[in-house]
C-alpha atoms as a PDB file:
ATOM      1  CA  MET A   1      -0.395  -0.085  -0.109  1.00  0.00           C
ATOM      2  CA  HIS A   2       1.186   3.408  -0.690  1.00  0.00           C
ATOM      3  CA  THR A   3       1.852   5.823   2.273  1.00  0.00           C
ATOM      4  CA  TYR A   4       2.607   9.272   2.320  1.00  0.00           C
ATOM      5  CA  ARG A   5       5.606  10.634   4.733  1.00  0.00           C
ATOM      6  CA  TYR A   6       5.497  13.665   6.395  1.00  0.00           C
ATOM      7  CA  GLU A   7       8.148  15.652   8.587  1.00  0.00           C
ATOM      8  CA  THR A   8       6.595  16.861  11.804  1.00  0.00           C
ATOM      9  CA  HIS A   9       9.571  18.136  13.388  1.00  0.00           C
ATOM     10  CA  LEU A  10      11.689  20.965  11.596  1.00  0.00           C
ATOM     11  CA  HIS A  11      13.047  24.321  12.330  1.00  0.00           C
ATOM     12  CA  THR A  12      14.369  27.198  10.272  1.00  0.00           C
ATOM     13  CA  LEU A  13      16.928  29.850  10.402  1.00  0.00           C
ATOM     14  CA  GLU A  14      14.032  32.798   9.920  1.00  0.00           C
ATOM     15  CA  ALA A  15      13.020  31.692  13.821  1.00  0.00           C
ATOM     16  CA  SER A  16      15.037  29.229  15.343  1.00  0.00           C
ATOM     17  CA  ALA A  17      18.311  30.234  16.590  1.00  0.00           C
ATOM     18  CA  CYS A  18      19.769  26.888  16.715  1.00  0.00           C
ATOM     19  CA  ALA A  19      18.734  26.252  12.893  1.00  0.00           C
ATOM     20  CA  LYS A  20      21.129  25.840   9.650  1.00  0.00           C
ATOM     21  CA  SER A  21      19.166  26.047   7.177  1.00  0.00           C
ATOM     22  CA  TRP A  22      16.643  28.862   5.280  1.00  0.00           C
ATOM     23  CA  ALA A  23      12.625  27.255   4.987  1.00  0.00           C
ATOM     24  CA  VAL A  24      12.730  27.345   1.393  1.00  0.00           C
ATOM     25  CA  ASP A  25      15.882  24.770   1.200  1.00  0.00           C
ATOM     26  CA  TYR A  26      14.187  22.474   2.749  1.00  0.00           C
ATOM     27  CA  ILE A  27      11.436  22.092   0.249  1.00  0.00           C
ATOM     28  CA  LEU A  28      13.119  19.794  -2.739  1.00  0.00           C
ATOM     29  CA  PRO A  29      15.314  17.802  -0.555  1.00  0.00           C
ATOM     30  CA  TYR A  30      12.194  16.422   1.099  1.00  0.00           C
ATOM     31  CA  ARG A  31      10.156  16.019  -1.970  1.00  0.00           C
ATOM     32  CA  GLU A  32      13.113  14.396  -3.540  1.00  0.00           C
ATOM     33  CA  ALA A  33      13.470  12.082  -0.319  1.00  0.00           C
ATOM     34  CA  GLY A  34       9.784  10.871  -0.796  1.00  0.00           C
ATOM     35  CA  TYR A  35       8.347  13.124   2.034  1.00  0.00           C
ATOM     36  CA  SER A  36       4.495  14.323   0.780  1.00  0.00           C
ATOM     37  CA  GLY A  37       5.166  17.764   3.440  1.00  0.00           C
ATOM     38  CA  ILE A  38       6.086  18.762   6.478  1.00  0.00           C
ATOM     39  CA  ILE A  39       5.193  20.732   9.524  1.00  0.00           C
ATOM     40  CA  VAL A  40       7.476  23.978  10.311  1.00  0.00           C
ATOM     41  CA  THR A  41       7.782  23.827  13.908  1.00  0.00           C
ATOM     42  CA  ASP A  42      10.036  26.695  14.915  1.00  0.00           C
ATOM     43  CA  HIS A  43      11.254  27.469  18.737  1.00  0.00           C
ATOM     44  CA  PHE A  44       8.488  29.952  20.445  1.00  0.00           C
ATOM     45  CA  PHE A  45       9.466  33.639  22.329  1.00  0.00           C
ATOM     46  CA  ASN A  46       9.933  31.461  24.991  1.00  0.00           C
ATOM     47  CA  GLY A  47      12.563  28.865  23.515  1.00  0.00           C
ATOM     48  CA  ASN A  48      15.681  29.215  21.244  1.00  0.00           C
ATOM     49  CA  THR A  49      14.289  32.099  19.446  1.00  0.00           C
ATOM     50  CA  ASN A  50      16.028  34.460  17.290  1.00  0.00           C
ATOM     51  CA  ILE A  51      13.323  36.795  17.116  1.00  0.00           C
ATOM     52  CA  PRO A  52      13.829  40.210  19.576  1.00  0.00           C
ATOM     53  CA  ALA A  53      11.668  40.131  22.805  1.00  0.00           C
ATOM     54  CA  SER A  54      11.837  43.855  22.059  1.00  0.00           C
ATOM     55  CA  LEU A  55       9.965  44.512  19.156  1.00  0.00           C
ATOM     56  CA  SER A  56       5.813  44.505  19.525  1.00  0.00           C
ATOM     57  CA  TRP A  57       3.761  41.713  19.743  1.00  0.00           C
ATOM     58  CA  GLU A  58       2.332  42.126  16.104  1.00  0.00           C
ATOM     59  CA  GLU A  59       6.251  42.122  14.714  1.00  0.00           C
ATOM     60  CA  GLN A  60       7.373  39.506  16.687  1.00  0.00           C
ATOM     61  CA  VAL A  61       4.646  36.938  15.281  1.00  0.00           C
ATOM     62  CA  ARG A  62       5.384  38.248  11.846  1.00  0.00           C
ATOM     63  CA  ARG A  63       8.796  37.310  11.919  1.00  0.00           C
ATOM     64  CA  PHE A  64       8.132  34.212  13.553  1.00  0.00           C
ATOM     65  CA  CYS A  65       5.902  32.960  10.819  1.00  0.00           C
ATOM     66  CA  ARG A  66       8.082  33.890   7.938  1.00  0.00           C
ATOM     67  CA  GLY A  67       9.617  30.506   8.334  1.00  0.00           C
ATOM     68  CA  TYR A  68       6.248  28.505   7.540  1.00  0.00           C
ATOM     69  CA  GLU A  69       5.264  31.162   4.709  1.00  0.00           C
ATOM     70  CA  HIS A  70       8.396  31.030   2.991  1.00  0.00           C
ATOM     71  CA  ALA A  71       8.707  27.440   2.952  1.00  0.00           C
ATOM     72  CA  LYS A  72       5.204  27.231   2.360  1.00  0.00           C
ATOM     73  CA  ALA A  73       5.181  29.263  -0.888  1.00  0.00           C
ATOM     74  CA  ARG A  74       7.826  27.248  -2.377  1.00  0.00           C
ATOM     75  CA  GLY A  75       6.290  24.252  -1.450  1.00  0.00           C
ATOM     76  CA  ASP A  76       2.855  25.685  -3.038  1.00  0.00           C
ATOM     77  CA  ARG A  77       5.193  25.484  -6.501  1.00  0.00           C
ATOM     78  CA  GLU A  78       7.300  22.282  -6.071  1.00  0.00           C
ATOM     79  CA  GLY A  79       4.568  19.874  -4.887  1.00  0.00           C
ATOM     80  CA  LEU A  80       5.272  19.717  -1.121  1.00  0.00           C
ATOM     81  CA  SER A  81       2.487  20.078   1.657  1.00  0.00           C
ATOM     82  CA  VAL A  82       3.657  23.077   4.378  1.00  0.00           C
ATOM     83  CA  PHE A  83       2.321  22.985   7.577  1.00  0.00           C
ATOM     84  CA  PHE A  84       2.332  24.972  10.495  1.00  0.00           C
ATOM     85  CA  GLY A  85       3.414  24.292  14.212  1.00  0.00           C
ATOM     86  CA  PHE A  86       5.528  25.475  16.692  1.00  0.00           C
ATOM     87  CA  GLU A  87       7.649  24.229  19.615  1.00  0.00           C
ATOM     88  CA  ALA A  88       7.242  26.263  23.157  1.00  0.00           C
ATOM     89  CA  CYS A  89       9.559  25.937  25.957  1.00  0.00           C
ATOM     90  CA  PHE A  90       8.903  25.391  29.714  1.00  0.00           C
ATOM     91  CA  THR A  91      12.428  25.340  31.149  1.00  0.00           C
ATOM     92  CA  GLU A  92      13.853  21.754  30.779  1.00  0.00           C
ATOM     93  CA  ASP A  93      10.063  20.326  28.810  1.00  0.00           C
ATOM     94  CA  GLU A  94       9.511  21.444  25.159  1.00  0.00           C
ATOM     95  CA  TYR A  95       6.008  20.690  23.592  1.00  0.00           C
ATOM     96  CA  LEU A  96       5.070  20.641  19.331  1.00  0.00           C
ATOM     97  CA  ILE A  97       1.766  22.485  18.918  1.00  0.00           C
ATOM     98  CA  TYR A  98      -0.117  21.804  15.866  1.00  0.00           C
ATOM     99  CA  GLY A  99      -3.563  23.799  14.763  1.00  0.00           C
ATOM    100  CA  LEU A 100      -2.989  27.388  16.415  1.00  0.00           C
ATOM    101  CA  ASP A 101      -2.461  29.886  13.411  1.00  0.00           C
ATOM    102  CA  LYS A 102      -1.174  32.887  12.943  1.00  0.00           C
ATOM    103  CA  GLU A 103      -4.367  35.027  13.575  1.00  0.00           C
ATOM    104  CA  TRP A 104      -4.659  33.038  16.641  1.00  0.00           C
ATOM    105  CA  LEU A 105      -1.110  34.183  17.860  1.00  0.00           C
ATOM    106  CA  LEU A 106      -1.885  37.539  17.273  1.00  0.00           C
ATOM    107  CA  ASP A 107      -5.300  37.640  18.891  1.00  0.00           C
ATOM    108  CA  ASN A 108      -3.131  35.870  22.293  1.00  0.00           C
ATOM    109  CA  PRO A 109       0.065  37.696  23.438  1.00  0.00           C
ATOM    110  CA  SER A 110      -0.498  36.537  27.002  1.00  0.00           C
ATOM    111  CA  ILE A 111       0.121  33.183  26.073  1.00  0.00           C
ATOM    112  CA  MET A 112       3.200  34.172  27.302  1.00  0.00           C
ATOM    113  CA  GLU A 113       2.617  34.839  30.828  1.00  0.00           C
ATOM    114  CA  TRP A 114       0.842  30.774  30.640  1.00  0.00           C
ATOM    115  CA  ASP A 115       2.348  27.818  32.536  1.00  0.00           C
ATOM    116  CA  GLN A 116       1.858  24.217  30.592  1.00  0.00           C
ATOM    117  CA  GLY A 117      -1.257  23.514  32.317  1.00  0.00           C
ATOM    118  CA  THR A 118      -2.393  26.453  31.218  1.00  0.00           C
ATOM    119  CA  LEU A 119      -1.326  26.023  27.646  1.00  0.00           C
ATOM    120  CA  PHE A 120      -2.757  22.267  27.264  1.00  0.00           C
ATOM    121  CA  ASP A 121      -5.919  23.879  28.129  1.00  0.00           C
ATOM    122  CA  GLU A 122      -6.193  26.070  25.901  1.00  0.00           C
ATOM    123  CA  VAL A 123      -5.296  24.045  22.810  1.00  0.00           C
ATOM    124  CA  ASP A 124      -7.687  21.330  23.722  1.00  0.00           C
ATOM    125  CA  ARG A 125     -10.089  23.851  24.289  1.00  0.00           C
ATOM    126  CA  VAL A 126      -9.839  24.723  20.461  1.00  0.00           C
ATOM    127  CA  GLY A 127      -9.112  21.593  19.392  1.00  0.00           C
ATOM    128  CA  ALA A 128      -5.273  21.590  18.425  1.00  0.00           C
ATOM    129  CA  LEU A 129      -2.406  19.287  19.420  1.00  0.00           C
ATOM    130  CA  MET A 130       0.161  19.023  22.056  1.00  0.00           C
ATOM    131  CA  ILE A 131       2.661  16.808  21.970  1.00  0.00           C
ATOM    132  CA  GLN A 132       5.809  16.358  24.092  1.00  0.00           C
ATOM    133  CA  ALA A 133       8.860  16.748  22.040  1.00  0.00           C
ATOM    134  CA  HIS A 134      11.665  14.221  23.465  1.00  0.00           C
ATOM    135  CA  PRO A 135      10.258  13.973  26.871  1.00  0.00           C
ATOM    136  CA  PHE A 136      13.356  12.007  28.105  1.00  0.00           C
ATOM    137  CA  ARG A 137      16.530  13.915  26.108  1.00  0.00           C
ATOM    138  CA  GLU A 138      19.189  14.362  28.508  1.00  0.00           C
ATOM    139  CA  ARG A 139      21.542  17.062  27.914  1.00  0.00           C
ATOM    140  CA  SER A 140      24.111  19.053  29.592  1.00  0.00           C
ATOM    141  CA  TYR A 141      21.919  22.175  29.801  1.00  0.00           C
ATOM    142  CA  ASN A 142      18.731  19.871  31.608  1.00  0.00           C
ATOM    143  CA  PHE A 143      18.481  19.058  34.953  1.00  0.00           C
ATOM    144  CA  GLY A 144      15.038  17.248  35.598  1.00  0.00           C
ATOM    145  CA  ILE A 145      12.725  15.269  33.281  1.00  0.00           C
ATOM    146  CA  HIS A 146       8.964  16.641  33.811  1.00  0.00           C
ATOM    147  CA  LEU A 147       6.224  14.450  32.734  1.00  0.00           C
ATOM    148  CA  HIS A 148       2.229  15.879  32.616  1.00  0.00           C
ATOM    149  CA  PRO A 149       0.302  12.569  31.380  1.00  0.00           C
ATOM    150  CA  TYR A 150      -2.970  14.586  32.070  1.00  0.00           C
ATOM    151  CA  ALA A 151      -1.835  17.766  30.009  1.00  0.00           C
ATOM    152  CA  VAL A 152      -0.833  16.587  26.865  1.00  0.00           C
ATOM    153  CA  HIS A 153      -2.149  14.581  23.742  1.00  0.00           C
ATOM    154  CA  GLY A 154       0.464  12.680  22.891  1.00  0.00           C
ATOM    155  CA  VAL A 155       4.552  11.917  23.091  1.00  0.00           C
ATOM    156  CA  GLU A 156       7.392  12.267  20.365  1.00  0.00           C
ATOM    157  CA  VAL A 157       8.406   8.486  20.929  1.00  0.00           C
ATOM    158  CA  VAL A 158      10.539   8.898  17.698  1.00  0.00           C
ATOM    159  CA  ASN A 159      13.143  11.983  17.704  1.00  0.00           C
ATOM    160  CA  GLY A 160      16.000  11.643  14.976  1.00  0.00           C
ATOM    161  CA  ALA A 161      18.101  14.092  17.751  1.00  0.00           C
ATOM    162  CA  ASN A 162      18.062  11.487  20.507  1.00  0.00           C
ATOM    163  CA  ASP A 163      19.875   8.362  21.558  1.00  0.00           C
ATOM    164  CA  VAL A 164      18.071   5.333  21.314  1.00  0.00           C
ATOM    165  CA  VAL A 165      17.079   4.631  24.858  1.00  0.00           C
ATOM    166  CA  PHE A 166      15.711   8.033  25.006  1.00  0.00           C
ATOM    167  CA  ASP A 167      12.828   7.058  22.624  1.00  0.00           C
ATOM    168  CA  GLN A 168      12.599   4.031  24.140  1.00  0.00           C
ATOM    169  CA  ARG A 169      11.960   5.551  27.715  1.00  0.00           C
ATOM    170  CA  ALA A 170       9.464   7.789  25.898  1.00  0.00           C
ATOM    171  CA  ARG A 171       7.676   4.649  24.758  1.00  0.00           C
ATOM    172  CA  CYS A 172       7.054   2.785  27.246  1.00  0.00           C
ATOM    173  CA  TYR A 173       6.031   6.077  28.791  1.00  0.00           C
ATOM    174  CA  ALA A 174       3.372   6.630  26.203  1.00  0.00           C
ATOM    175  CA  GLU A 175       2.486   3.057  26.241  1.00  0.00           C
ATOM    176  CA  GLN A 176       1.921   3.181  29.739  1.00  0.00           C
ATOM    177  CA  TYR A 177      -0.810   6.402  30.234  1.00  0.00           C
ATOM    178  CA  GLY A 178      -2.380   5.024  26.299  1.00  0.00           C
ATOM    179  CA  LEU A 179      -1.121   8.480  25.020  1.00  0.00           C
ATOM    180  CA  SER A 180      -0.700   8.997  21.095  1.00  0.00           C
ATOM    181  CA  MET A 181       2.845   8.830  19.609  1.00  0.00           C
ATOM    182  CA  THR A 182       4.316  10.739  16.931  1.00  0.00           C
ATOM    183  CA  SER A 183       8.117  10.614  14.848  1.00  0.00           C
ATOM    184  CA  GLY A 184       9.643  13.499  13.761  1.00  0.00           C
ATOM    185  CA  THR A 185      13.441  14.189  12.774  1.00  0.00           C
ATOM    186  CA  ASP A 186      14.076  17.305  14.713  1.00  0.00           C
ATOM    187  CA  ILE A 187      16.187  19.125  11.921  1.00  0.00           C
ATOM    188  CA  HIS A 188      17.773  21.919  12.064  1.00  0.00           C
ATOM    189  CA  ASP A 189      20.044  21.480   8.679  1.00  0.00           C
ATOM    190  CA  VAL A 190      19.103  20.349   5.509  1.00  0.00           C
ATOM    191  CA  SER A 191      22.184  18.708   4.731  1.00  0.00           C
ATOM    192  CA  LYS A 192      21.026  16.075   7.475  1.00  0.00           C
ATOM    193  CA  ILE A 193      18.086  14.808   5.392  1.00  0.00           C
ATOM    194  CA  GLY A 194      18.766  10.898   4.725  1.00  0.00           C
ATOM    195  CA  ALA A 195      18.944   7.768   6.097  1.00  0.00           C
ATOM    196  CA  ASP A 196      18.212   9.379   9.143  1.00  0.00           C
ATOM    197  CA  THR A 197      15.148  11.536   8.517  1.00  0.00           C
ATOM    198  CA  ARG A 198      12.141  10.500  10.310  1.00  0.00           C
ATOM    199  CA  GLY A 199       8.673  11.383  10.752  1.00  0.00           C
ATOM    200  CA  MET A 200       5.427   9.430  10.145  1.00  0.00           C
ATOM    201  CA  ALA A 201       3.595   7.818   7.327  1.00  0.00           C
ATOM    202  CA  PHE A 202       0.094   8.394   6.233  1.00  0.00           C
ATOM    203  CA  ASP A 203      -2.463   6.105   4.777  1.00  0.00           C
ATOM    204  CA  TYR A 204      -3.843   9.038   2.157  1.00  0.00           C
ATOM    205  CA  PRO A 205      -2.640  12.219   1.599  1.00  0.00           C
ATOM    206  CA  LEU A 206      -2.812  15.114   4.320  1.00  0.00           C
ATOM    207  CA  SER A 207      -4.923  18.234   2.874  1.00  0.00           C
ATOM    208  CA  SER A 208      -4.408  20.692   6.235  1.00  0.00           C
ATOM    209  CA  ILE A 209      -3.073  20.592   9.348  1.00  0.00           C
ATOM    210  CA  GLU A 210      -6.713  19.511  10.977  1.00  0.00           C
ATOM    211  CA  GLU A 211      -6.327  16.101   9.101  1.00  0.00           C
ATOM    212  CA  PHE A 212      -2.912  15.563  10.862  1.00  0.00           C
ATOM    213  CA  ILE A 213      -4.504  16.559  14.297  1.00  0.00           C
ATOM    214  CA  GLU A 214      -7.465  14.180  14.009  1.00  0.00           C
ATOM    215  CA  ALA A 215      -5.652  10.954  12.695  1.00  0.00           C
ATOM    216  CA  VAL A 216      -3.161  11.660  15.649  1.00  0.00           C
ATOM    217  CA  LYS A 217      -5.812  11.695  18.062  1.00  0.00           C
ATOM    218  CA  ALA A 218      -7.473   8.858  16.946  1.00  0.00           C
ATOM    219  CA  LYS A 219      -4.419   6.878  16.671  1.00  0.00           C
ATOM    220  CA  ALA A 220      -5.126   5.760  13.377  1.00  0.00           C
ATOM    221  CA  HIS A 221      -4.181   5.826   9.743  1.00  0.00           C
ATOM    222  CA  TYR A 222      -0.338   6.292  10.288  1.00  0.00           C
ATOM    223  CA  THR A 223       2.765   4.517  10.714  1.00  0.00           C
ATOM    224  CA  LEU A 224       6.029   6.256  12.839  1.00  0.00           C
ATOM    225  CA  LEU A 225       9.331   6.110  10.617  1.00  0.00           C
ATOM    226  CA  ALA A 226      11.505   4.735  13.044  1.00  0.00           C
ATOM    227  CA  THR A 227      14.762   2.090  13.200  1.00  0.00           C
ATOM    228  CA  ALA A 228      14.144  -1.378  14.412  1.00  0.00           C
ATOM    229  CA  GLU A 229      15.714   0.124  17.589  1.00  0.00           C
ATOM    230  CA  HIS A 230      13.769   3.145  18.219  1.00  0.00           C
ATOM    231  CA  ALA A 231      10.651   0.876  17.828  1.00  0.00           C
ATOM    232  CA  ASN A 232      11.829  -1.495  20.890  1.00  0.00           C
ATOM    233  CA  THR A 233      10.089  -1.170  24.190  1.00  0.00           C
ATOM    234  CA  PRO A 234      12.819  -2.917  26.245  1.00  0.00           C
ATOM    235  CA  PRO A 235      12.451  -2.506  29.804  1.00  0.00           C
ATOM    236  CA  PRO A 236      14.422   0.781  30.619  1.00  0.00           C
ATOM    237  CA  VAL A 237      17.373   1.771  32.632  1.00  0.00           C
ATOM    238  CA  GLU A 238      16.382   4.570  35.345  1.00  0.00           C
ATOM    239  CA  PRO A 239      16.965   7.994  33.791  1.00  0.00           C
ATOM    240  CA  ASP A 240      20.272   9.738  34.967  1.00  0.00           C
ATOM    241  CA  LEU A 241      18.287  12.995  35.623  1.00  0.00           C
ATOM    242  CA  PRO A 242      15.363  12.954  37.908  1.00  0.00           C
ATOM    243  CA  VAL A 243      11.701  12.529  37.038  1.00  0.00           C
ATOM    244  CA  HIS A 244       9.373  14.634  37.645  1.00  0.00           C
ATOM    245  CA  LEU A 245       5.859  13.154  37.197  1.00  0.00           C
ATOM    246  CA  PHE A 246       2.498  15.292  37.770  1.00  0.00           C
ATOM    247  CA  GLU A 247      -0.595  13.270  38.064  1.00  0.00           C
ATOM    248  CA  ARG A 248      -3.788  14.515  37.220  1.00  0.00           C
ATOM    249  CA  THR A 249      -4.447  15.737  41.153  1.00  0.00           C
ATOM    250  CA  ASP A 250      -1.130  17.440  41.154  1.00  0.00           C
ATOM    251  CA  LYS A 251      -2.210  21.246  41.256  1.00  0.00           C
ATOM    252  CA  LYS A 252       1.450  22.210  40.763  1.00  0.00           C
ATOM    253  CA  ARG A 253       1.812  23.512  37.118  1.00  0.00           C
ATOM    254  CA  ARG A 254       5.082  24.285  34.803  1.00  0.00           C
ATOM    255  CA  ALA A 255       5.830  27.691  34.606  1.00  0.00           C
END
């Protein structure tokens, strides 16, 4: 059966401080790699952004969306679907948000004052999607792992920039709590497109980000692009970092 591949985690030089490639440079390589589309998920203003906080809210949003808009314009010409998302950060934990758009951001400058739980409530209320990105990643700049199984729709269980064990832990966690699972490359550099490129393969071409959201929430009509190692869920060794698990009754919200 023919499937349609989509990159779900991608950063552009327009808005992400850690990116090395401009948005338009991703289009042809992804198309040539057999992908049907990409979702641009630049780091939001509370993460590793290169958008100056001194600008007005309207100008910040305008500049933030340029990566997506540039990619969309080129993708429309070259036959590659391009959808919008972003990656929000709460200290150590980060979340991929799908289904909010430029107009929503312009209308909601208070998002910068929200904690993790409030963001989830708002995302859920409007039918959008919130996925915790690489939840078990351990880096020198992280001091803990924060898990919110009741304030997230799903978990990125395959991440192209992760060690295998980080993804295995994420899959075990998602299975334990019955959360939806996603896969993405977390790509910052177009030269990295190749054998290690991740993403999701759908049974049908996606015509909108809403179709992506519907499938992920239903846990249906897609498979994860992963190596055999990343797809396994052996009993995991405990992480080196402390794990903070926020249960349903926990009133504390992550700022």
